[in-house]
Amino acid sequence: MRRRTFLRTVSAGLGAAAFSGAVWHDAVAATSARAASVTAGESPYGPLGAADGNGVALPAGFSSRVVARSGRSVGGTIWHPAPDGGACFADGSGWIYVSNSEVPLVGGASAIRFAADGSIDRAYRILSGTNLNCAGGRTPWNTWLSCEEIFRGKVYETDPYGTRAAQQRPAMGKFKHEAAACDPDRAAIYLTEDESDGCFYRFTPNVWGDLSSGRLDVLCGIGGDSVEWRPVPDPTPGVLGRQTRHQVSAARHFNGGEGCYYAGGICYFTAKGDRKVWAYDTTRQTVTSVYDGGGTLDGVDNITGLPPGDLYVAEDGGNMEINIITFDGVVAPVLRLDGQSGSEITGPAFSPDGTRLYFSSQRGTSGESLGTGGITYEVTGPFRR
């Protein structure tokens, strides 16, 4: 593990108050010389203990439970295979956890509703008949963007509450989609692309809250860490058309774009091929690395965060951990799944009150390629918030 230069932001989720991008940039500059040569310290939660009965190694004071298994009934519905990206939504005194299904042809997404005491109230499908739904993102108006990770993949806007039909959003581009993160401060949505030369995109709807039309831009390098946005000429190319990542020559490329998370003027995104966590500073218009590999955090994938400015990064492979990157630069594991080396951790998301962390092991202990052994977990404990 290594200590990395990192921002101390304050964020309570979408639309929350946080330090500005300028403060982030100044904080990085002030601490880089100190942090760059220091190896990681302890996790704020302490060391991991032995794996519990669910195979989850946790710090003292934390506990786990299995809330769903692929192919088995939960809350009156059969839980989908290969659970992937996820998010939580408040619902009265309870809450909802939404999860994608990264399988071909049937894909889609499902939801579990939890009552106020944490018991499972019901579960239901919110999207069906799509293809390899990988990650996505929640919106400030409480919808879930489910993204297809296929050639000419699309974004579907879904209803976590299960009352409205899902809507295809082609204006957000047709490419190998991965994750999405909403920026309510600039009325924009950032999108990652899972290609070895993938790009980082920004979708600006014509009307904030209506994703049926808008402009798709691609991030372009203009020297050093400085970047700018340029329009993608054809966001919805046909089968023989030029792919979006090849339409603008100045586009900046990232090796295997994965998770994406916005907080306080910064959009953090991961690239598994680069083994980096990147930060796009919306004020300074720069892209810098806040974690560049090494240590126990490997196979960087889905990413989320909590108000103190901590990030939580799930591993695709590695030693099957979720690592915290604290606001003062410590990288350390907060949980590990034992005996699941053939899987990956997906869909980390916190309950609205920040006390419960949901995530999945996409292929579980079986490692079966279609994810029929997928397991969805809940971890409860004194998370910093």
Protein backbone atom coordinates (compact mmCIF):
# COMPACT_ATOMS: atom_id res chain seq x y z
CA MET A 1 0.00 0.00 0.00
CA ARG A 2 1.13 3.56 -0.66
CA ARG A 3 0.16 7.00 0.50
CA ARG A 4 -0.97 9.11 -2.45
CA THR A 5 -1.61 12.75 -2.94
CA PHE A 6 -5.32 13.25 -2.47
CA LEU A 7 -7.95 15.86 -1.92
CA ARG A 8 -9.79 16.38 1.31
CA THR A 9 -13.25 17.06 -0.06
CA VAL A 10 -16.50 17.29 1.75
CA SER A 11 -19.42 15.68 -0.01
CA ALA A 12 -22.77 14.35 1.12
CA GLY A 13 -23.59 12.88 -2.27
CA LEU A 14 -25.07 14.46 -5.37
CA GLY A 15 -25.42 18.20 -4.94
CA ALA A 16 -23.70 18.32 -1.54
CA ALA A 17 -21.39 21.11 -0.46
CA ALA A 18 -17.68 20.47 -0.90
CA PHE A 19 -14.35 22.19 -1.28
CA SER A 20 -13.98 23.83 -4.67
CA GLY A 21 -11.75 22.52 -7.42
CA ALA A 22 -9.34 25.37 -6.73
CA VAL A 23 -8.96 24.30 -3.09
CA TRP A 24 -8.46 20.71 -4.27
CA HIS A 25 -5.69 21.83 -6.61
CA ASP A 26 -3.98 23.91 -3.90
CA ALA A 27 -4.22 21.06 -1.39
CA VAL A 28 -2.56 18.67 -3.81
CA ALA A 29 0.24 21.11 -4.56
CA ALA A 30 0.87 21.71 -0.86
CA THR A 31 1.06 18.04 0.11
CA SER A 32 2.62 16.34 -2.92
CA ALA A 33 6.22 16.51 -1.74
CA ARG A 34 5.29 15.07 1.66
CA ALA A 35 2.94 12.36 0.41
CA ALA A 36 4.77 11.02 -2.63
CA SER A 37 7.51 9.24 -0.67
CA VAL A 38 5.41 7.90 2.22
CA THR A 39 4.07 4.36 2.25
CA ALA A 40 0.53 3.77 3.46
CA GLY A 41 -0.52 4.09 7.04
CA GLU A 42 -3.31 2.28 8.83
CA SER A 43 -6.89 2.18 7.70
CA PRO A 44 -9.09 4.51 9.77
CA TYR A 45 -11.09 1.40 10.65
CA GLY A 46 -8.15 -0.70 11.77
CA PRO A 47 -6.83 -4.00 10.33
CA LEU A 48 -9.00 -6.69 8.79
CA GLY A 49 -9.86 -9.64 10.98
CA ALA A 50 -10.41 -13.25 10.00
CA ALA A 51 -13.15 -13.94 7.46
CA ASP A 52 -16.60 -14.29 8.98
CA GLY A 53 -19.17 -16.97 8.19
CA ASN A 54 -19.95 -15.25 4.88
CA GLY A 55 -16.30 -15.26 3.83
CA VAL A 56 -15.92 -11.50 4.41
CA ALA A 57 -12.88 -10.20 6.30
CA LEU A 58 -13.79 -6.96 8.10
CA PRO A 59 -12.39 -4.56 10.71
CA ALA A 60 -13.62 -4.83 14.29
CA GLY A 61 -17.09 -3.38 14.76
CA PHE A 62 -18.33 -4.31 11.27
CA SER A 63 -20.60 -7.19 10.24
CA SER A 64 -21.82 -8.69 6.98
CA ARG A 65 -24.83 -10.52 5.62
CA VAL A 66 -25.76 -12.00 2.25
CA VAL A 67 -28.86 -10.31 0.86
CA ALA A 68 -29.16 -12.09 -2.51
CA ARG A 69 -27.71 -14.92 -4.58
CA SER A 70 -27.98 -15.25 -8.36
CA GLY A 71 -30.67 -17.70 -9.42
CA ARG A 72 -32.37 -17.73 -6.01
CA SER A 73 -35.50 -15.97 -4.88
CA VAL A 74 -35.17 -12.73 -2.92
CA GLY A 75 -38.17 -10.60 -2.03
CA GLY A 76 -40.38 -12.53 -4.43
CA THR A 77 -38.15 -12.39 -7.53
CA ILE A 78 -35.21 -14.41 -8.88
CA TRP A 79 -31.99 -12.46 -8.43
CA HIS A 80 -30.14 -11.90 -11.68
CA PRO A 81 -26.79 -13.44 -12.68
CA ALA A 82 -23.53 -11.49 -12.80
CA PRO A 83 -24.56 -8.56 -10.56
CA ASP A 84 -22.54 -5.47 -11.45
CA GLY A 85 -22.91 -1.70 -10.98
CA GLY A 86 -25.29 -0.50 -8.28
CA ALA A 87 -26.67 2.45 -6.34
CA CYS A 88 -28.94 3.21 -3.39
CA PHE A 89 -32.08 5.38 -3.30
CA ALA A 90 -34.12 6.66 -0.37
CA ASP A 91 -37.71 5.39 -0.27
CA GLY A 92 -39.80 6.67 2.60
CA SER A 93 -38.43 5.18 5.82
CA GLY A 94 -36.62 2.50 3.83
CA TRP A 95 -34.29 2.43 0.85
CA ILE A 96 -33.63 0.63 -2.43
CA TYR A 97 -30.49 -1.00 -3.81
CA VAL A 98 -30.36 -1.29 -7.61
CA SER A 99 -28.01 -3.72 -9.38
CA ASN A 100 -27.17 -4.33 -13.05
CA SER A 101 -26.81 -7.75 -14.67
CA GLU A 102 -23.73 -8.08 -16.89
CA VAL A 103 -24.90 -10.98 -19.04
CA PRO A 104 -25.57 -11.02 -22.78
CA LEU A 105 -28.99 -10.65 -24.40
CA VAL A 106 -31.09 -10.54 -21.22
CA GLY A 107 -28.96 -8.19 -19.08
CA GLY A 108 -31.09 -5.55 -17.42
CA ALA A 109 -31.27 -4.54 -13.78
CA SER A 110 -33.12 -5.46 -10.58
CA ALA A 111 -33.90 -3.71 -7.30
CA ILE A 112 -34.24 -4.74 -3.66
CA ARG A 113 -36.34 -2.62 -1.33
CA PHE A 114 -35.34 -2.60 2.34
CA ALA A 115 -37.67 -1.64 5.18
CA ALA A 116 -36.61 0.83 7.88
CA ASP A 117 -35.22 -1.98 10.05
CA GLY A 118 -33.10 -3.35 7.19
CA SER A 119 -35.32 -6.33 6.43
CA ILE A 120 -36.03 -7.10 2.77
CA ASP A 121 -39.48 -5.88 1.78
CA ARG A 122 -39.53 -6.97 -1.87
CA ALA A 123 -37.45 -7.23 -5.05
CA TYR A 124 -38.35 -6.65 -8.70
CA ARG A 125 -36.96 -6.12 -12.20
CA ILE A 126 -36.61 -2.56 -13.50
CA LEU A 127 -34.98 -3.34 -16.87
CA SER A 128 -34.98 -6.43 -19.10
CA GLY A 129 -33.92 -7.50 -22.59
CA THR A 130 -30.76 -5.41 -22.81
CA ASN A 131 -27.16 -6.54 -23.20
CA LEU A 132 -24.23 -6.75 -20.76
CA ASN A 133 -25.39 -4.04 -18.40
CA CYS A 134 -22.20 -3.21 -16.56
CA ALA A 135 -22.07 -0.07 -14.45
CA GLY A 136 -24.02 3.19 -14.61
CA GLY A 137 -24.95 5.95 -12.19
CA ARG A 138 -27.76 7.53 -10.22
CA THR A 139 -29.26 10.89 -11.10
CA PRO A 140 -30.30 13.76 -8.77
CA TRP A 141 -33.92 13.12 -9.84
CA ASN A 142 -33.69 9.55 -8.54
CA THR A 143 -33.36 7.45 -11.67
CA TRP A 144 -30.72 4.83 -12.43
CA LEU A 145 -28.66 5.03 -15.63
CA SER A 146 -27.91 1.47 -16.71
CA CYS A 147 -25.10 1.24 -19.27
CA GLU A 148 -24.46 -1.48 -21.87
CA GLU A 149 -20.82 -2.54 -22.18
CA ILE A 150 -21.05 -3.67 -25.82
CA PHE A 151 -20.16 -2.35 -29.26
CA ARG A 152 -22.52 0.58 -29.85
CA GLY A 153 -23.88 0.11 -26.33
CA LYS A 154 -26.60 2.40 -25.07
CA VAL A 155 -27.67 4.05 -21.82
CA TYR A 156 -31.08 3.23 -20.34
CA GLU A 157 -32.75 5.49 -17.81
CA THR A 158 -34.64 3.32 -15.35
CA ASP A 159 -36.98 3.80 -12.40
CA PRO A 160 -35.63 2.28 -9.14
CA TYR A 161 -39.14 2.40 -7.70
CA GLY A 162 -40.49 0.14 -10.46
CA THR A 163 -43.42 2.30 -11.58
CA ARG A 164 -42.19 3.77 -14.87
CA ALA A 165 -40.87 1.96 -17.94
CA ALA A 166 -37.18 2.28 -18.77
CA GLN A 167 -36.21 4.74 -21.51
CA GLN A 168 -33.37 4.41 -24.00
CA ARG A 169 -31.14 7.52 -24.08
CA PRO A 170 -29.24 7.40 -27.42
CA ALA A 171 -28.23 11.07 -27.21
CA MET A 172 -25.76 10.00 -24.49
CA GLY A 173 -23.79 8.18 -27.17
CA LYS A 174 -23.45 4.69 -28.54
CA PHE A 175 -20.17 3.13 -27.44
CA LYS A 176 -18.85 0.57 -24.97
CA HIS A 177 -20.35 2.27 -21.94
CA GLU A 178 -19.17 1.65 -18.42
CA ALA A 179 -20.16 4.14 -15.70
CA ALA A 180 -21.87 7.52 -15.35
CA ALA A 181 -21.62 10.29 -12.74
CA CYS A 182 -23.93 13.30 -12.52
CA ASP A 183 -22.57 16.80 -11.90
CA PRO A 184 -25.53 18.94 -10.76
CA ASP A 185 -23.28 21.99 -10.38
CA ARG A 186 -22.66 22.14 -14.14
CA ALA A 187 -25.79 20.21 -15.21
CA ALA A 188 -23.68 17.54 -16.91
CA ILE A 189 -23.09 13.79 -16.79
CA TYR A 190 -19.63 12.21 -17.15
CA LEU A 191 -19.25 8.84 -18.86
CA THR A 192 -16.44 6.27 -19.01
CA GLU A 193 -15.66 3.86 -21.85
CA ASP A 194 -14.24 0.37 -21.33
CA GLU A 195 -11.81 0.13 -24.24
CA SER A 196 -8.02 -0.09 -24.17
CA ASP A 197 -8.06 3.35 -25.83
CA GLY A 198 -11.32 4.48 -24.30
CA CYS A 199 -12.33 8.10 -23.81
CA PHE A 200 -13.94 10.17 -21.07
CA TYR A 201 -17.15 11.92 -22.11
CA ARG A 202 -19.46 14.68 -20.91
CA PHE A 203 -23.15 14.74 -21.78
CA THR A 204 -24.95 18.06 -21.36
CA PRO A 205 -28.72 17.70 -21.74
CA ASN A 206 -30.67 20.51 -23.33
CA VAL A 207 -32.82 20.55 -20.19
CA TRP A 208 -31.37 19.32 -16.90
CA GLY A 209 -33.46 16.38 -15.80
CA ASP A 210 -34.44 15.41 -19.36
CA LEU A 211 -31.90 13.12 -21.03
CA SER A 212 -33.73 12.71 -24.32
CA SER A 213 -31.55 15.31 -26.08
CA GLY A 214 -28.29 17.14 -25.54
CA ARG A 215 -24.64 17.44 -26.56
CA LEU A 216 -21.95 14.76 -26.17
CA ASP A 217 -18.37 16.04 -25.74
CA VAL A 218 -15.10 14.15 -25.42
CA LEU A 219 -12.22 15.14 -23.15
CA CYS A 220 -9.20 16.39 -25.12
CA GLY A 221 -5.64 17.09 -24.02
CA ILE A 222 -4.20 20.53 -24.65
CA GLY A 223 -0.82 20.12 -22.92
CA GLY A 224 0.32 18.70 -19.59
CA ASP A 225 -2.62 18.04 -17.28
CA SER A 226 -4.76 20.70 -18.96
CA VAL A 227 -7.82 19.53 -20.88
CA GLU A 228 -10.82 20.87 -22.75
CA TRP A 229 -14.07 19.49 -24.13
CA ARG A 230 -14.83 19.15 -27.81
CA PRO A 231 -18.09 17.94 -29.40
CA VAL A 232 -18.35 14.40 -30.72
CA PRO A 233 -19.50 14.90 -34.35
CA ASP A 234 -21.62 11.72 -34.48
CA PRO A 235 -22.61 10.41 -31.03
CA THR A 236 -24.78 7.62 -32.51
CA PRO A 237 -22.75 6.12 -35.35
CA GLY A 238 -24.14 3.29 -37.42
CA VAL A 239 -22.53 -0.14 -37.55
CA LEU A 240 -20.01 0.99 -40.17
CA GLY A 241 -19.57 4.50 -38.79
CA ARG A 242 -16.46 5.74 -37.01
CA GLN A 243 -16.53 4.95 -33.30
CA THR A 244 -16.96 7.90 -30.98
CA ARG A 245 -13.49 7.56 -29.44
CA HIS A 246 -11.90 7.93 -32.89
CA GLN A 247 -13.88 10.93 -34.14
CA VAL A 248 -11.84 13.69 -32.48
CA SER A 249 -8.09 13.47 -33.04
CA ALA A 250 -7.18 15.38 -29.87
CA ALA A 251 -9.24 13.09 -27.62
CA ARG A 252 -7.41 11.87 -24.55
CA HIS A 253 -7.44 8.10 -24.10
CA PHE A 254 -7.56 5.97 -20.95
CA ASN A 255 -6.86 2.25 -20.79
CA GLY A 256 -10.05 0.51 -19.70
CA GLY A 257 -12.33 3.16 -18.20
CA GLU A 258 -14.35 1.81 -15.27
CA GLY A 259 -16.02 3.47 -12.27
CA CYS A 260 -17.01 7.12 -12.07
CA TYR A 261 -17.97 9.27 -9.05
CA TYR A 262 -18.58 13.02 -8.69
CA ALA A 263 -18.12 15.05 -5.49
CA GLY A 264 -17.57 18.76 -4.93
CA GLY A 265 -16.27 19.86 -8.30
CA ILE A 266 -14.19 16.75 -8.95
CA CYS A 267 -15.13 13.73 -11.04
CA TYR A 268 -13.09 10.69 -10.05
CA PHE A 269 -12.84 7.81 -12.49
CA THR A 270 -10.81 4.63 -12.70
CA ALA A 271 -8.92 2.92 -15.51
CA LYS A 272 -8.13 -0.74 -14.93
CA GLY A 273 -5.44 -0.94 -17.63
CA ASP A 274 -3.69 2.13 -16.25
CA ARG A 275 -4.31 0.89 -12.68
CA LYS A 276 -5.10 4.49 -11.80
CA VAL A 277 -7.73 6.59 -10.09
CA TRP A 278 -8.02 9.82 -12.05
CA ALA A 279 -9.48 13.16 -10.96
CA TYR A 280 -11.02 15.63 -13.38
CA ASP A 281 -11.01 19.08 -11.74
CA THR A 282 -13.97 20.93 -13.23
CA THR A 283 -12.69 24.33 -12.06
CA ARG A 284 -9.06 24.10 -13.13
CA GLN A 285 -9.87 21.98 -16.20
CA THR A 286 -7.15 19.45 -15.41
CA VAL A 287 -6.91 15.67 -15.16
CA THR A 288 -4.45 14.23 -12.64
CA SER A 289 -3.86 10.86 -11.05
CA VAL A 290 -4.65 10.56 -7.34
CA TYR A 291 -3.67 6.89 -7.19
CA ASP A 292 -1.29 5.31 -9.69
CA GLY A 293 -1.06 1.65 -8.79
CA GLY A 294 1.19 -0.29 -6.49
CA GLY A 295 0.32 -1.65 -3.09
CA THR A 296 -2.71 -3.78 -2.33
CA LEU A 297 -5.24 -1.81 -4.38
CA ASP A 298 -5.19 -3.56 -7.73
CA GLY A 299 -7.60 -4.04 -10.60
CA VAL A 300 -9.29 -0.70 -9.87
CA ASP A 301 -12.95 -0.80 -10.88
CA ASN A 302 -16.19 0.58 -9.41
CA ILE A 303 -15.83 3.62 -7.16
CA THR A 304 -18.00 5.48 -4.65
CA GLY A 305 -17.49 7.82 -1.70
CA LEU A 306 -18.74 9.28 1.58
CA PRO A 307 -18.90 12.83 3.00
CA PRO A 308 -15.53 13.08 4.76
CA GLY A 309 -13.93 12.96 1.30
CA ASP A 310 -13.08 9.25 1.45
CA LEU A 311 -13.25 7.18 -1.72
CA TYR A 312 -14.03 3.46 -1.80
CA VAL A 313 -12.61 1.51 -4.74
CA ALA A 314 -13.61 -2.06 -5.60
CA GLU A 315 -11.20 -4.51 -7.16
CA ASP A 316 -11.75 -6.49 -10.35
CA GLY A 317 -9.63 -9.45 -9.34
CA GLY A 318 -6.59 -8.55 -7.27
CA ASN A 319 -7.11 -10.01 -3.81
CA MET A 320 -10.85 -9.17 -3.89
CA GLU A 321 -10.86 -6.12 -1.66
CA ILE A 322 -12.63 -2.81 -1.38
CA ASN A 323 -9.99 -0.22 -0.49
CA ILE A 324 -10.45 3.19 1.02
CA ILE A 325 -8.47 6.19 -0.21
CA THR A 326 -8.79 8.62 2.66
CA PHE A 327 -8.94 12.39 2.31
CA ASP A 328 -5.36 12.61 3.65
CA GLY A 329 -3.97 10.04 1.21
CA VAL A 330 -3.97 6.68 3.01
CA VAL A 331 -4.80 3.65 0.84
CA ALA A 332 -5.94 0.61 2.82
CA PRO A 333 -8.40 -2.31 2.58
CA VAL A 334 -11.73 -2.03 4.38
CA LEU A 335 -12.96 -5.52 3.45
CA ARG A 336 -11.82 -8.64 1.62
CA LEU A 337 -13.63 -11.66 0.18
CA ASP A 338 -11.81 -14.92 0.79
CA GLY A 339 -11.96 -17.90 -1.57
CA GLN A 340 -13.32 -15.95 -4.54
CA SER A 341 -10.25 -15.35 -6.69
CA GLY A 342 -12.23 -16.11 -9.87
CA SER A 343 -14.63 -13.23 -9.30
CA GLU A 344 -14.64 -9.44 -9.03
CA ILE A 345 -16.22 -6.98 -6.62
CA THR A 346 -18.92 -4.82 -8.18
CA GLY A 347 -21.57 -2.25 -7.38
CA PRO A 348 -20.39 -0.62 -4.11
CA ALA A 349 -23.02 1.81 -2.83
CA PHE A 350 -23.93 3.20 0.57
CA SER A 351 -27.41 3.34 2.07
CA PRO A 352 -28.79 6.89 2.31
CA ASP A 353 -27.69 7.20 5.97
CA GLY A 354 -24.17 5.94 5.19
CA THR A 355 -24.26 3.06 7.69
CA ARG A 356 -24.56 0.17 5.23
CA LEU A 357 -22.40 -0.68 2.23
CA TYR A 358 -23.84 -2.87 -0.52
CA PHE A 359 -21.75 -4.66 -3.14
CA SER A 360 -21.61 -7.91 -5.08
CA SER A 361 -19.17 -10.64 -5.94
CA GLN A 362 -20.06 -11.05 -9.60
CA ARG A 363 -19.18 -14.75 -9.90
CA GLY A 364 -19.00 -15.71 -6.23
CA THR A 365 -17.11 -18.75 -5.02
CA SER A 366 -17.79 -20.74 -8.21
CA GLY A 367 -16.09 -18.28 -10.56
CA GLU A 368 -18.55 -19.39 -13.26
CA SER A 369 -18.19 -17.13 -16.29
CA LEU A 370 -21.91 -16.28 -16.68
CA GLY A 371 -22.14 -15.19 -13.07
CA THR A 372 -24.67 -17.78 -11.95
CA GLY A 373 -22.85 -17.87 -8.60
CA GLY A 374 -23.13 -14.13 -7.98
CA ILE A 375 -23.57 -12.98 -4.39
CA THR A 376 -24.81 -9.59 -3.16
CA TYR A 377 -23.70 -8.46 0.31
CA GLU A 378 -24.45 -5.85 2.92
CA VAL A 379 -21.79 -4.62 5.38
CA THR A 380 -22.91 -2.61 8.40
CA GLY A 381 -20.58 -0.59 10.60
CA PRO A 382 -19.26 2.77 11.78
CA PHE A 383 -18.33 4.20 8.39
CA ARG A 384 -16.92 7.73 8.55
CA ARG A 385 -19.49 10.30 7.45
